[in-house]
Amino acid sequence: MQELSFDPRDPVIEFDGWRFSLQIVTSENLYGIASPAIERTGDGLTATVSRLTWAGGQREADGRATLRLRRTDDGVEAIVEAAAPERIRCTKLIL
């Protein structure tokens, strides 16, 4: 995986002593997420965004992403759902 030559300014989501960021990789671009709306539950949280960012957060694009985090007996379970303007190659969960 290639590293960026600039700070993508990804929002950090803190949960259960962990810090998470999320990126969406397409064939055309690398997208970050806008500031997420956080909903906390008893054993987890859900972070939702209705816009994606690119160019270090300077530009916005259509798309959405949801990160669900849940405490388990042996760690944290993470589930990512995303939609972007182009076909998604992968999602990158950064710890």
PDB file of N, CA and C in Angstrom:
ATOM      1  N   MET A   1       0.852  -1.169   0.000  1.00  0.00           N
ATOM      2  CA  MET A   1       0.000   0.000   0.000  1.00  0.00           C
ATOM      3  C   MET A   1       0.892   1.224   0.000  1.00  0.00           C
ATOM      4  N   GLN A   2       0.597   2.158  -0.861  1.00  0.00           N
ATOM      5  CA  GLN A   2       1.378   3.380  -0.962  1.00  0.00           C
ATOM      6  C   GLN A   2       0.971   4.365   0.138  1.00  0.00           C
ATOM      7  N   GLU A   3       1.941   5.138   0.570  1.00  0.00           N
ATOM      8  CA  GLU A   3       1.687   6.183   1.548  1.00  0.00           C
ATOM      9  C   GLU A   3       1.470   7.501   0.816  1.00  0.00           C
ATOM     10  N   LEU A   4       0.659   8.361   1.370  1.00  0.00           N
ATOM     11  CA  LEU A   4       0.401   9.668   0.779  1.00  0.00           C
ATOM     12  C   LEU A   4       1.542  10.632   1.096  1.00  0.00           C
ATOM     13  N   SER A   5       1.741  11.607   0.235  1.00  0.00           N
ATOM     14  CA  SER A   5       2.774  12.611   0.470  1.00  0.00           C
ATOM     15  C   SER A   5       2.227  13.816   1.237  1.00  0.00           C
ATOM     16  N   PHE A   6       0.977  13.704   1.721  1.00  0.00           N
ATOM     17  CA  PHE A   6       0.359  14.792   2.473  1.00  0.00           C
ATOM     18  C   PHE A   6      -0.510  14.184   3.569  1.00  0.00           C
ATOM     19  N   ASP A   7      -0.897  15.009   4.516  1.00  0.00           N
ATOM     20  CA  ASP A   7      -1.762  14.574   5.611  1.00  0.00           C
ATOM     21  C   ASP A   7      -3.202  14.516   5.103  1.00  0.00           C
ATOM     22  N   PRO A   8      -3.844  13.339   5.086  1.00  0.00           N
ATOM     23  CA  PRO A   8      -5.221  13.253   4.590  1.00  0.00           C
ATOM     24  C   PRO A   8      -6.251  13.842   5.554  1.00  0.00           C
ATOM     25  N   ARG A   9      -5.820  14.181   6.765  1.00  0.00           N
ATOM     26  CA  ARG A   9      -6.703  14.789   7.772  1.00  0.00           C
ATOM     27  C   ARG A   9      -7.937  13.934   8.063  1.00  0.00           C
ATOM     28  N   ASP A  10      -7.713  12.643   8.180  1.00  0.00           N
ATOM     29  CA  ASP A  10      -8.812  11.731   8.489  1.00  0.00           C
ATOM     30  C   ASP A  10      -9.298  11.949   9.917  1.00  0.00           C
ATOM     31  N   PRO A  11     -10.616  12.038  10.118  1.00  0.00           N
ATOM     32  CA  PRO A  11     -11.130  12.107  11.488  1.00  0.00           C
ATOM     33  C   PRO A  11     -10.761  10.836  12.257  1.00  0.00           C
ATOM     34  N   VAL A  12     -10.504  10.990  13.539  1.00  0.00           N
ATOM     35  CA  VAL A  12     -10.168   9.858  14.397  1.00  0.00           C
ATOM     36  C   VAL A  12     -11.363   9.560  15.291  1.00  0.00           C
ATOM     37  N   ILE A  13     -11.729   8.287  15.322  1.00  0.00           N
ATOM     38  CA  ILE A  13     -12.854   7.822  16.146  1.00  0.00           C
ATOM     39  C   ILE A  13     -12.255   6.992  17.274  1.00  0.00           C
ATOM     40  N   GLU A  14     -12.482   7.412  18.506  1.00  0.00           N
ATOM     41  CA  GLU A  14     -11.917   6.697  19.657  1.00  0.00           C
ATOM     42  C   GLU A  14     -12.965   5.792  20.274  1.00  0.00           C
ATOM     43  N   PHE A  15     -12.529   4.544  20.548  1.00  0.00           N
ATOM     44  CA  PHE A  15     -13.440   3.567  21.137  1.00  0.00           C
ATOM     45  C   PHE A  15     -12.648   2.540  21.923  1.00  0.00           C
ATOM     46  N   ASP A  16     -12.983   2.359  23.179  1.00  0.00           N
ATOM     47  CA  ASP A  16     -12.448   1.294  24.030  1.00  0.00           C
ATOM     48  C   ASP A  16     -10.915   1.256  24.035  1.00  0.00           C
ATOM     49  N   GLY A  17     -10.282   2.429  24.071  1.00  0.00           N
ATOM     50  CA  GLY A  17      -8.827   2.495  24.096  1.00  0.00           C
ATOM     51  C   GLY A  17      -8.171   2.397  22.727  1.00  0.00           C
ATOM     52  N   TRP A  18      -8.948   2.278  21.673  1.00  0.00           N
ATOM     53  CA  TRP A  18      -8.440   2.205  20.296  1.00  0.00           C
ATOM     54  C   TRP A  18      -8.775   3.507  19.579  1.00  0.00           C
ATOM     55  N   ARG A  19      -7.990   3.810  18.533  1.00  0.00           N
ATOM     56  CA  ARG A  19      -8.238   4.970  17.675  1.00  0.00           C
ATOM     57  C   ARG A  19      -8.374   4.457  16.243  1.00  0.00           C
ATOM     58  N   PHE A  20      -9.463   4.800  15.580  1.00  0.00           N
ATOM     59  CA  PHE A  20      -9.767   4.320  14.240  1.00  0.00           C
ATOM     60  C   PHE A  20      -9.921   5.477  13.266  1.00  0.00           C
ATOM     61  N   SER A  21      -9.463   5.271  12.037  1.00  0.00           N
ATOM     62  CA  SER A  21      -9.754   6.157  10.908  1.00  0.00           C
ATOM     63  C   SER A  21     -10.156   5.261   9.750  1.00  0.00           C
ATOM     64  N   LEU A  22     -10.851   5.842   8.776  1.00  0.00           N
ATOM     65  CA  LEU A  22     -11.383   5.062   7.669  1.00  0.00           C
ATOM     66  C   LEU A  22     -11.096   5.771   6.349  1.00  0.00           C
ATOM     67  N   GLN A  23     -10.664   4.995   5.342  1.00  0.00           N
ATOM     68  CA  GLN A  23     -10.480   5.505   3.988  1.00  0.00           C
ATOM     69  C   GLN A  23     -11.154   4.546   3.010  1.00  0.00           C
ATOM     70  N   ILE A  24     -11.627   5.099   1.892  1.00  0.00           N
ATOM     71  CA  ILE A  24     -12.273   4.311   0.839  1.00  0.00           C
ATOM     72  C   ILE A  24     -11.410   4.450  -0.412  1.00  0.00           C
ATOM     73  N   VAL A  25     -10.956   3.324  -0.947  1.00  0.00           N
ATOM     74  CA  VAL A  25     -10.060   3.313  -2.093  1.00  0.00           C
ATOM     75  C   VAL A  25     -10.835   2.867  -3.330  1.00  0.00           C
ATOM     76  N   THR A  26     -10.814   3.705  -4.384  1.00  0.00           N
ATOM     77  CA  THR A  26     -11.415   3.342  -5.663  1.00  0.00           C
ATOM     78  C   THR A  26     -10.301   3.273  -6.710  1.00  0.00           C
ATOM     79  N   SER A  27     -10.632   2.921  -7.926  1.00  0.00           N
ATOM     80  CA  SER A  27      -9.631   2.930  -9.001  1.00  0.00           C
ATOM     81  C   SER A  27      -9.231   4.349  -9.373  1.00  0.00           C
ATOM     82  N   GLU A  28     -10.087   5.313  -9.049  1.00  0.00           N
ATOM     83  CA  GLU A  28      -9.863   6.700  -9.437  1.00  0.00           C
ATOM     84  C   GLU A  28      -9.289   7.583  -8.341  1.00  0.00           C
ATOM     85  N   ASN A  29      -9.567   7.255  -7.062  1.00  0.00           N
ATOM     86  CA  ASN A  29      -9.236   8.191  -5.997  1.00  0.00           C
ATOM     87  C   ASN A  29      -9.137   7.477  -4.653  1.00  0.00           C
ATOM     88  N   LEU A  30      -8.619   8.194  -3.678  1.00  0.00           N
ATOM     89  CA  LEU A  30      -8.615   7.759  -2.287  1.00  0.00           C
ATOM     90  C   LEU A  30      -9.482   8.751  -1.526  1.00  0.00           C
ATOM     91  N   TYR A  31     -10.540   8.260  -0.913  1.00  0.00           N
ATOM     92  CA  TYR A  31     -11.477   9.116  -0.195  1.00  0.00           C
ATOM     93  C   TYR A  31     -11.332   8.924   1.306  1.00  0.00           C
ATOM     94  N   GLY A  32     -11.470  10.020   2.013  1.00  0.00           N
ATOM     95  CA  GLY A  32     -11.593   9.978   3.456  1.00  0.00           C
ATOM     96  C   GLY A  32     -13.051  10.210   3.804  1.00  0.00           C
ATOM     97  N   ILE A  33     -13.311  10.346   5.081  1.00  0.00           N
ATOM     98  CA  ILE A  33     -14.685  10.594   5.516  1.00  0.00           C
ATOM     99  C   ILE A  33     -14.788  11.996   6.099  1.00  0.00           C
ATOM    100  N   ALA A  34     -15.942  12.604   5.924  1.00  0.00           N
ATOM    101  CA  ALA A  34     -16.222  13.891   6.564  1.00  0.00           C
ATOM    102  C   ALA A  34     -16.392  13.639   8.064  1.00  0.00           C
ATOM    103  N   SER A  35     -16.600  14.666   8.826  1.00  0.00           N
ATOM    104  CA  SER A  35     -16.793  14.495  10.269  1.00  0.00           C
ATOM    105  C   SER A  35     -17.988  13.582  10.526  1.00  0.00           C
ATOM    106  N   PRO A  36     -17.776  12.498  11.267  1.00  0.00           N
ATOM    107  CA  PRO A  36     -18.860  11.533  11.460  1.00  0.00           C
ATOM    108  C   PRO A  36     -19.832  11.925  12.568  1.00  0.00           C
ATOM    109  N   ALA A  37     -21.066  11.476  12.405  1.00  0.00           N
ATOM    110  CA  ALA A  37     -22.053  11.524  13.479  1.00  0.00           C
ATOM    111  C   ALA A  37     -21.858  10.243  14.284  1.00  0.00           C
ATOM    112  N   ILE A  38     -21.691  10.368  15.584  1.00  0.00           N
ATOM    113  CA  ILE A  38     -21.407   9.225  16.445  1.00  0.00           C
ATOM    114  C   ILE A  38     -22.634   8.893  17.284  1.00  0.00           C
ATOM    115  N   GLU A  39     -23.012   7.620  17.253  1.00  0.00           N
ATOM    116  CA  GLU A  39     -24.107   7.128  18.106  1.00  0.00           C
ATOM    117  C   GLU A  39     -23.542   6.010  18.972  1.00  0.00           C
ATOM    118  N   ARG A  40     -23.578   6.207  20.275  1.00  0.00           N
ATOM    119  CA  ARG A  40     -23.045   5.206  21.210  1.00  0.00           C
ATOM    120  C   ARG A  40     -24.157   4.282  21.693  1.00  0.00           C
ATOM    121  N   THR A  41     -23.809   2.996  21.818  1.00  0.00           N
ATOM    122  CA  THR A  41     -24.718   1.995  22.370  1.00  0.00           C
ATOM    123  C   THR A  41     -24.040   1.378  23.587  1.00  0.00           C
ATOM    124  N   GLY A  42     -24.678   0.415  24.222  1.00  0.00           N
ATOM    125  CA  GLY A  42     -24.123  -0.203  25.420  1.00  0.00           C
ATOM    126  C   GLY A  42     -22.735  -0.780  25.231  1.00  0.00           C
ATOM    127  N   ASP A  43     -22.520  -1.541  24.162  1.00  0.00           N
ATOM    128  CA  ASP A  43     -21.223  -2.195  23.961  1.00  0.00           C
ATOM    129  C   ASP A  43     -20.504  -1.732  22.698  1.00  0.00           C
ATOM    130  N   GLY A  44     -20.935  -0.602  22.122  1.00  0.00           N
ATOM    131  CA  GLY A  44     -20.290  -0.171  20.886  1.00  0.00           C
ATOM    132  C   GLY A  44     -20.661   1.233  20.471  1.00  0.00           C
ATOM    133  N   LEU A  45     -20.339   1.516  19.212  1.00  0.00           N
ATOM    134  CA  LEU A  45     -20.725   2.802  18.631  1.00  0.00           C
ATOM    135  C   LEU A  45     -20.855   2.636  17.130  1.00  0.00           C
ATOM    136  N   THR A  46     -21.588   3.561  16.536  1.00  0.00           N
ATOM    137  CA  THR A  46     -21.729   3.629  15.087  1.00  0.00           C
ATOM    138  C   THR A  46     -21.352   5.039  14.657  1.00  0.00           C
ATOM    139  N   ALA A  47     -20.412   5.127  13.707  1.00  0.00           N
ATOM    140  CA  ALA A  47     -19.995   6.403  13.124  1.00  0.00           C
ATOM    141  C   ALA A  47     -20.512   6.440  11.696  1.00  0.00           C
ATOM    142  N   THR A  48     -21.267   7.486  11.357  1.00  0.00           N
ATOM    143  CA  THR A  48     -21.895   7.575  10.040  1.00  0.00           C
ATOM    144  C   THR A  48     -21.541   8.900   9.381  1.00  0.00           C
ATOM    145  N   VAL A  49     -21.246   8.840   8.066  1.00  0.00           N
ATOM    146  CA  VAL A  49     -21.021  10.052   7.287  1.00  0.00           C
ATOM    147  C   VAL A  49     -21.841   9.970   6.005  1.00  0.00           C
ATOM    148  N   SER A  50     -22.308  11.124   5.538  1.00  0.00           N
ATOM    149  CA  SER A  50     -23.089  11.165   4.305  1.00  0.00           C
ATOM    150  C   SER A  50     -22.330  11.865   3.175  1.00  0.00           C
ATOM    151  N   ARG A  51     -21.063  12.220   3.425  1.00  0.00           N
ATOM    152  CA  ARG A  51     -20.191  12.819   2.403  1.00  0.00           C
ATOM    153  C   ARG A  51     -18.789  12.258   2.574  1.00  0.00           C
ATOM    154  N   LEU A  52     -18.097  12.102   1.454  1.00  0.00           N
ATOM    155  CA  LEU A  52     -16.703  11.690   1.469  1.00  0.00           C
ATOM    156  C   LEU A  52     -15.835  12.904   1.185  1.00  0.00           C
ATOM    157  N   THR A  53     -14.555  12.817   1.553  1.00  0.00           N
ATOM    158  CA  THR A  53     -13.619  13.894   1.278  1.00  0.00           C
ATOM    159  C   THR A  53     -12.455  13.359   0.456  1.00  0.00           C
ATOM    160  N   TRP A  54     -11.759  14.268  -0.193  1.00  0.00           N
ATOM    161  CA  TRP A  54     -10.522  13.914  -0.892  1.00  0.00           C
ATOM    162  C   TRP A  54      -9.631  15.147  -0.926  1.00  0.00           C
ATOM    163  N   ALA A  55      -8.407  15.004  -1.416  1.00  0.00           N
ATOM    164  CA  ALA A  55      -7.423  16.100  -1.444  1.00  0.00           C
ATOM    165  C   ALA A  55      -7.176  16.643  -0.035  1.00  0.00           C
ATOM    166  N   GLY A  56      -6.958  15.736   0.906  1.00  0.00           N
ATOM    167  CA  GLY A  56      -6.665  16.166   2.271  1.00  0.00           C
ATOM    168  C   GLY A  56      -7.816  16.866   2.952  1.00  0.00           C
ATOM    169  N   GLY A  57      -9.040  16.495   2.578  1.00  0.00           N
ATOM    170  CA  GLY A  57     -10.231  17.101   3.176  1.00  0.00           C
ATOM    171  C   GLY A  57     -10.638  18.417   2.545  1.00  0.00           C
ATOM    172  N   GLN A  58      -9.924  18.845   1.497  1.00  0.00           N
ATOM    173  CA  GLN A  58     -10.235  20.120   0.851  1.00  0.00           C
ATOM    174  C   GLN A  58     -11.426  20.028  -0.096  1.00  0.00           C
ATOM    175  N   ARG A  59     -11.723  18.838  -0.578  1.00  0.00           N
ATOM    176  CA  ARG A  59     -12.831  18.633  -1.513  1.00  0.00           C
ATOM    177  C   ARG A  59     -13.790  17.592  -0.947  1.00  0.00           C
ATOM    178  N   GLU A  60     -15.055  17.690  -1.350  1.00  0.00           N
ATOM    179  CA  GLU A  60     -16.057  16.711  -0.935  1.00  0.00           C
ATOM    180  C   GLU A  60     -16.623  16.004  -2.152  1.00  0.00           C
ATOM    181  N   ALA A  61     -17.134  14.805  -1.921  1.00  0.00           N
ATOM    182  CA  ALA A  61     -17.718  14.005  -2.999  1.00  0.00           C
ATOM    183  C   ALA A  61     -18.951  13.285  -2.473  1.00  0.00           C
ATOM    184  N   ASP A  62     -19.831  12.905  -3.393  1.00  0.00           N
ATOM    185  CA  ASP A  62     -20.975  12.090  -3.020  1.00  0.00           C
ATOM    186  C   ASP A  62     -20.468  10.764  -2.470  1.00  0.00           C
ATOM    187  N   GLY A  63     -21.197  10.218  -1.566  1.00  0.00           N
ATOM    188  CA  GLY A  63     -20.840   8.928  -0.986  1.00  0.00           C
ATOM    189  C   GLY A  63     -21.265   8.872   0.458  1.00  0.00           C
ATOM    190  N   ARG A  64     -21.064   7.719   1.045  1.00  0.00           N
ATOM    191  CA  ARG A  64     -21.420   7.542   2.449  1.00  0.00           C
ATOM    192  C   ARG A  64     -20.557   6.441   3.031  1.00  0.00           C
ATOM    193  N   ALA A  65     -20.492   6.406   4.340  1.00  0.00           N
ATOM    194  CA  ALA A  65     -19.755   5.346   5.027  1.00  0.00           C
ATOM    195  C   ALA A  65     -20.307   5.182   6.432  1.00  0.00           C
ATOM    196  N   THR A  66     -20.275   3.940   6.887  1.00  0.00           N
ATOM    197  CA  THR A  66     -20.683   3.612   8.252  1.00  0.00           C
ATOM    198  C   THR A  66     -19.631   2.689   8.846  1.00  0.00           C
ATOM    199  N   LEU A  67     -19.182   3.012  10.044  1.00  0.00           N
ATOM    200  CA  LEU A  67     -18.261   2.174  10.797  1.00  0.00           C
ATOM    201  C   LEU A  67     -18.964   1.777  12.080  1.00  0.00           C
ATOM    202  N   ARG A  68     -19.162   0.471  12.253  1.00  0.00           N
ATOM    203  CA  ARG A  68     -19.767  -0.047  13.486  1.00  0.00           C
ATOM    204  C   ARG A  68     -18.678  -0.736  14.299  1.00  0.00           C
ATOM    205  N   LEU A  69     -18.524  -0.316  15.539  1.00  0.00           N
ATOM    206  CA  LEU A  69     -17.540  -0.901  16.444  1.00  0.00           C
ATOM    207  C   LEU A  69     -18.278  -1.500  17.631  1.00  0.00           C
ATOM    208  N   ARG A  70     -17.846  -2.708  18.010  1.00  0.00           N
ATOM    209  CA  ARG A  70     -18.491  -3.395  19.126  1.00  0.00           C
ATOM    210  C   ARG A  70     -17.432  -4.118  19.944  1.00  0.00           C
ATOM    211  N   ARG A  71     -17.514  -3.955  21.244  1.00  0.00           N
ATOM    212  CA  ARG A  71     -16.617  -4.646  22.163  1.00  0.00           C
ATOM    213  C   ARG A  71     -16.962  -6.137  22.170  1.00  0.00           C
ATOM    214  N   THR A  72     -15.958  -6.993  22.105  1.00  0.00           N
ATOM    215  CA  THR A  72     -16.149  -8.435  22.188  1.00  0.00           C
ATOM    216  C   THR A  72     -15.306  -8.977  23.352  1.00  0.00           C
ATOM    217  N   ASP A  73     -15.423 -10.269  23.621  1.00  0.00           N
ATOM    218  CA  ASP A  73     -14.656 -10.868  24.710  1.00  0.00           C
ATOM    219  C   ASP A  73     -13.151 -10.770  24.494  1.00  0.00           C
ATOM    220  N   ASP A  74     -12.711 -10.781  23.230  1.00  0.00           N
ATOM    221  CA  ASP A  74     -11.274 -10.780  22.965  1.00  0.00           C
ATOM    222  C   ASP A  74     -10.788  -9.551  22.190  1.00  0.00           C
ATOM    223  N   GLY A  75     -11.567  -8.482  22.151  1.00  0.00           N
ATOM    224  CA  GLY A  75     -11.120  -7.279  21.455  1.00  0.00           C
ATOM    225  C   GLY A  75     -12.265  -6.423  20.963  1.00  0.00           C
ATOM    226  N   VAL A  76     -12.130  -5.932  19.738  1.00  0.00           N
ATOM    227  CA  VAL A  76     -13.128  -5.059  19.129  1.00  0.00           C
ATOM    228  C   VAL A  76     -13.466  -5.588  17.743  1.00  0.00           C
ATOM    229  N   GLU A  77     -14.753  -5.676  17.449  1.00  0.00           N
ATOM    230  CA  GLU A  77     -15.220  -6.055  16.117  1.00  0.00           C
ATOM    231  C   GLU A  77     -15.534  -4.775  15.344  1.00  0.00           C
ATOM    232  N   ALA A  78     -15.070  -4.714  14.091  1.00  0.00           N
ATOM    233  CA  ALA A  78     -15.321  -3.541  13.248  1.00  0.00           C
ATOM    234  C   ALA A  78     -16.008  -3.994  11.969  1.00  0.00           C
ATOM    235  N   ILE A  79     -17.091  -3.307  11.605  1.00  0.00           N
ATOM    236  CA  ILE A  79     -17.811  -3.579  10.360  1.00  0.00           C
ATOM    237  C   ILE A  79     -17.893  -2.266   9.597  1.00  0.00           C
ATOM    238  N   VAL A  80     -17.470  -2.291   8.324  1.00  0.00           N
ATOM    239  CA  VAL A  80     -17.467  -1.097   7.485  1.00  0.00           C
ATOM    240  C   VAL A  80     -18.424  -1.301   6.321  1.00  0.00           C
ATOM    241  N   GLU A  81     -19.254  -0.288   6.048  1.00  0.00           N
ATOM    242  CA  GLU A  81     -20.090  -0.236   4.851  1.00  0.00           C
ATOM    243  C   GLU A  81     -19.793   1.094   4.176  1.00  0.00           C
ATOM    244  N   ALA A  82     -19.683   1.086   2.831  1.00  0.00           N
ATOM    245  CA  ALA A  82     -19.351   2.327   2.138  1.00  0.00           C
ATOM    246  C   ALA A  82     -19.930   2.346   0.736  1.00  0.00           C
ATOM    247  N   ALA A  83     -20.146   3.552   0.228  1.00  0.00           N
ATOM    248  CA  ALA A  83     -20.541   3.786  -1.159  1.00  0.00           C
ATOM    249  C   ALA A  83     -19.763   5.010  -1.626  1.00  0.00           C
ATOM    250  N   ALA A  84     -19.283   4.965  -2.877  1.00  0.00           N
ATOM    251  CA  ALA A  84     -18.470   6.048  -3.423  1.00  0.00           C
ATOM    252  C   ALA A  84     -18.892   6.329  -4.861  1.00  0.00           C
ATOM    253  N   PRO A  85     -18.418   7.446  -5.443  1.00  0.00           N
ATOM    254  CA  PRO A  85     -18.792   7.799  -6.819  1.00  0.00           C
ATOM    255  C   PRO A  85     -18.305   6.777  -7.853  1.00  0.00           C
ATOM    256  N   GLU A  86     -17.207   6.080  -7.551  1.00  0.00           N
ATOM    257  CA  GLU A  86     -16.687   5.046  -8.435  1.00  0.00           C
ATOM    258  C   GLU A  86     -16.748   3.692  -7.719  1.00  0.00           C
ATOM    259  N   ARG A  87     -16.478   2.647  -8.463  1.00  0.00           N
ATOM    260  CA  ARG A  87     -16.448   1.305  -7.875  1.00  0.00           C
ATOM    261  C   ARG A  87     -15.363   1.247  -6.794  1.00  0.00           C
ATOM    262  N   ILE A  88     -15.710   0.712  -5.647  1.00  0.00           N
ATOM    263  CA  ILE A  88     -14.787   0.619  -4.516  1.00  0.00           C
ATOM    264  C   ILE A  88     -13.878  -0.602  -4.693  1.00  0.00           C
ATOM    265  N   ARG A  89     -12.552  -0.378  -4.603  1.00  0.00           N
ATOM    266  CA  ARG A  89     -11.592  -1.466  -4.649  1.00  0.00           C
ATOM    267  C   ARG A  89     -11.444  -2.092  -3.270  1.00  0.00           C
ATOM    268  N   CYS A  90     -11.381  -1.229  -2.241  1.00  0.00           N
ATOM    269  CA  CYS A  90     -11.255  -1.728  -0.869  1.00  0.00           C
ATOM    270  C   CYS A  90     -11.529  -0.585   0.104  1.00  0.00           C
ATOM    271  N   THR A  91     -11.742  -0.946   1.333  1.00  0.00           N
ATOM    272  CA  THR A  91     -11.808   0.040   2.410  1.00  0.00           C
ATOM    273  C   THR A  91     -10.596  -0.184   3.282  1.00  0.00           C
ATOM    274  N   LYS A  92     -10.077   0.904   3.851  1.00  0.00           N
ATOM    275  CA  LYS A  92      -8.894   0.814   4.698  1.00  0.00           C
ATOM    276  C   LYS A  92      -9.260   1.305   6.089  1.00  0.00           C
ATOM    277  N   LEU A  93      -9.180   0.411   7.054  1.00  0.00           N
ATOM    278  CA  LEU A  93      -9.418   0.758   8.450  1.00  0.00           C
ATOM    279  C   LEU A  93      -8.052   0.952   9.098  1.00  0.00           C
ATOM    280  N   ILE A  94      -7.802   2.130   9.578  1.00  0.00           N
ATOM    281  CA  ILE A  94      -6.500   2.484  10.141  1.00  0.00           C
ATOM    282  C   ILE A  94      -6.608   2.467  11.660  1.00  0.00           C
ATOM    283  N   LEU A  95      -5.744   1.702  12.309  1.00  0.00           N
ATOM    284  CA  LEU A  95      -5.731   1.606  13.763  1.00  0.00           C
ATOM    285  C   LEU A  95      -4.568   2.407  14.310  1.00  0.00           C
TER     286      LEU A  95
END
